[in-house]
Amino acid sequence: MSTFSVDAVSSKNYLFMATALLGGLLAEYFLGLWWADYIATGIILAFVAREAVESYHELHEEESMAPVLS
């Protein structure tokens, strides 16, 4: 994967998390929904967990493809 592709994926991830956070904060402030911030936090947490699992699988896939030196 090229550097630009990784950069684009990172930017998309940051945009998604910032939108969830801002949406939760705005809903709490303007609509008085005290629980909206917690929902936004849960969304971000689920997204980060999914990304962590995906990275973990990619790492182990790369390790299994590497030649074993004995």
C-alpha atoms as a PDB file:
ATOM      1  CA  MET A   1       0.000   0.000   0.000  1.00  0.00           C
ATOM      2  CA  SER A   2       1.458   3.355  -0.955  1.00  0.00           C
ATOM      3  CA  THR A   3       2.101   6.171   1.479  1.00  0.00           C
ATOM      4  CA  PHE A   4      -0.666   8.249  -0.083  1.00  0.00           C
ATOM      5  CA  SER A   5      -3.186   5.441   0.328  1.00  0.00           C
ATOM      6  CA  VAL A   6      -2.314   5.049   4.009  1.00  0.00           C
ATOM      7  CA  ASP A   7      -2.533   8.814   4.449  1.00  0.00           C
ATOM      8  CA  ALA A   8      -5.959   8.905   2.784  1.00  0.00           C
ATOM      9  CA  VAL A   9      -7.263   6.100   5.008  1.00  0.00           C
ATOM     10  CA  SER A  10      -5.928   7.862   8.116  1.00  0.00           C
ATOM     11  CA  SER A  11      -7.565  11.127   7.079  1.00  0.00           C
ATOM     12  CA  LYS A  12     -10.881   9.350   6.536  1.00  0.00           C
ATOM     13  CA  ASN A  13     -10.618   7.723   9.961  1.00  0.00           C
ATOM     14  CA  TYR A  14      -9.842  11.019  11.673  1.00  0.00           C
ATOM     15  CA  LEU A  15     -12.730  12.712   9.879  1.00  0.00           C
ATOM     16  CA  PHE A  16     -15.132   9.970  10.978  1.00  0.00           C
ATOM     17  CA  MET A  17     -14.041  10.171  14.622  1.00  0.00           C
ATOM     18  CA  ALA A  18     -14.131  13.979  14.663  1.00  0.00           C
ATOM     19  CA  THR A  19     -17.635  13.963  13.152  1.00  0.00           C
ATOM     20  CA  ALA A  20     -18.902  11.513  15.772  1.00  0.00           C
ATOM     21  CA  LEU A  21     -17.381  13.570  18.574  1.00  0.00           C
ATOM     22  CA  LEU A  22     -18.657  16.884  17.248  1.00  0.00           C
ATOM     23  CA  GLY A  23     -22.116  15.445  16.619  1.00  0.00           C
ATOM     24  CA  GLY A  24     -22.309  14.149  20.180  1.00  0.00           C
ATOM     25  CA  LEU A  25     -21.149  17.426  21.663  1.00  0.00           C
ATOM     26  CA  LEU A  26     -23.528  19.502  19.546  1.00  0.00           C
ATOM     27  CA  ALA A  27     -26.483  17.249  20.335  1.00  0.00           C
ATOM     28  CA  GLU A  28     -25.689  17.527  24.029  1.00  0.00           C
ATOM     29  CA  TYR A  29     -25.288  21.309  23.941  1.00  0.00           C
ATOM     30  CA  PHE A  30     -28.152  22.332  21.647  1.00  0.00           C
ATOM     31  CA  LEU A  31     -30.693  19.567  22.242  1.00  0.00           C
ATOM     32  CA  GLY A  32     -29.908  18.836  25.872  1.00  0.00           C
ATOM     33  CA  LEU A  33     -29.345  15.153  25.143  1.00  0.00           C
ATOM     34  CA  TRP A  34     -26.906  14.362  27.954  1.00  0.00           C
ATOM     35  CA  TRP A  35     -26.455  10.815  26.674  1.00  0.00           C
ATOM     36  CA  ALA A  36     -25.475  11.813  23.112  1.00  0.00           C
ATOM     37  CA  ASP A  37     -21.851  12.317  24.110  1.00  0.00           C
ATOM     38  CA  TYR A  38     -21.759   8.780  25.504  1.00  0.00           C
ATOM     39  CA  ILE A  39     -23.240   7.396  22.290  1.00  0.00           C
ATOM     40  CA  ALA A  40     -20.580   9.245  20.277  1.00  0.00           C
ATOM     41  CA  THR A  41     -17.897   7.809  22.570  1.00  0.00           C
ATOM     42  CA  GLY A  42     -19.283   4.306  22.024  1.00  0.00           C
ATOM     43  CA  ILE A  43     -19.238   4.789  18.265  1.00  0.00           C
ATOM     44  CA  ILE A  44     -15.628   5.953  18.364  1.00  0.00           C
ATOM     45  CA  LEU A  45     -14.656   3.083  20.667  1.00  0.00           C
ATOM     46  CA  ALA A  46     -16.263   0.510  18.356  1.00  0.00           C
ATOM     47  CA  PHE A  47     -14.503   2.041  15.362  1.00  0.00           C
ATOM     48  CA  VAL A  48     -11.103   2.045  17.081  1.00  0.00           C
ATOM     49  CA  ALA A  49     -11.603  -1.554  18.245  1.00  0.00           C
ATOM     50  CA  ARG A  50     -12.435  -2.642  14.699  1.00  0.00           C
ATOM     51  CA  GLU A  51      -9.334  -0.884  13.364  1.00  0.00           C
ATOM     52  CA  ALA A  52      -7.178  -2.531  16.061  1.00  0.00           C
ATOM     53  CA  VAL A  53      -8.464  -6.006  15.198  1.00  0.00           C
ATOM     54  CA  GLU A  54      -7.891  -5.348  11.496  1.00  0.00           C
ATOM     55  CA  SER A  55      -4.311  -4.197  12.174  1.00  0.00           C
ATOM     56  CA  TYR A  56      -3.705  -7.236  14.363  1.00  0.00           C
ATOM     57  CA  HIS A  57      -4.856  -9.587  11.597  1.00  0.00           C
ATOM     58  CA  GLU A  58      -2.735  -7.797   8.994  1.00  0.00           C
ATOM     59  CA  LEU A  59       0.327  -8.028  11.238  1.00  0.00           C
ATOM     60  CA  HIS A  60      -0.090 -11.763  11.770  1.00  0.00           C
ATOM     61  CA  GLU A  61      -0.779 -12.295   8.084  1.00  0.00           C
ATOM     62  CA  GLU A  62       2.516 -10.581   7.242  1.00  0.00           C
ATOM     63  CA  GLU A  63       4.345 -12.634   9.887  1.00  0.00           C
ATOM     64  CA  SER A  64       2.976 -15.889   8.535  1.00  0.00           C
ATOM     65  CA  MET A  65       4.130 -15.001   5.019  1.00  0.00           C
ATOM     66  CA  ALA A  66       7.691 -14.158   6.142  1.00  0.00           C
ATOM     67  CA  PRO A  67      10.252 -16.894   5.613  1.00  0.00           C
ATOM     68  CA  VAL A  68      11.356 -18.706   8.736  1.00  0.00           C
ATOM     69  CA  LEU A  69      15.124 -18.649   9.300  1.00  0.00           C
ATOM     70  CA  SER A  70      16.482 -21.591  11.276  1.00  0.00           C
END
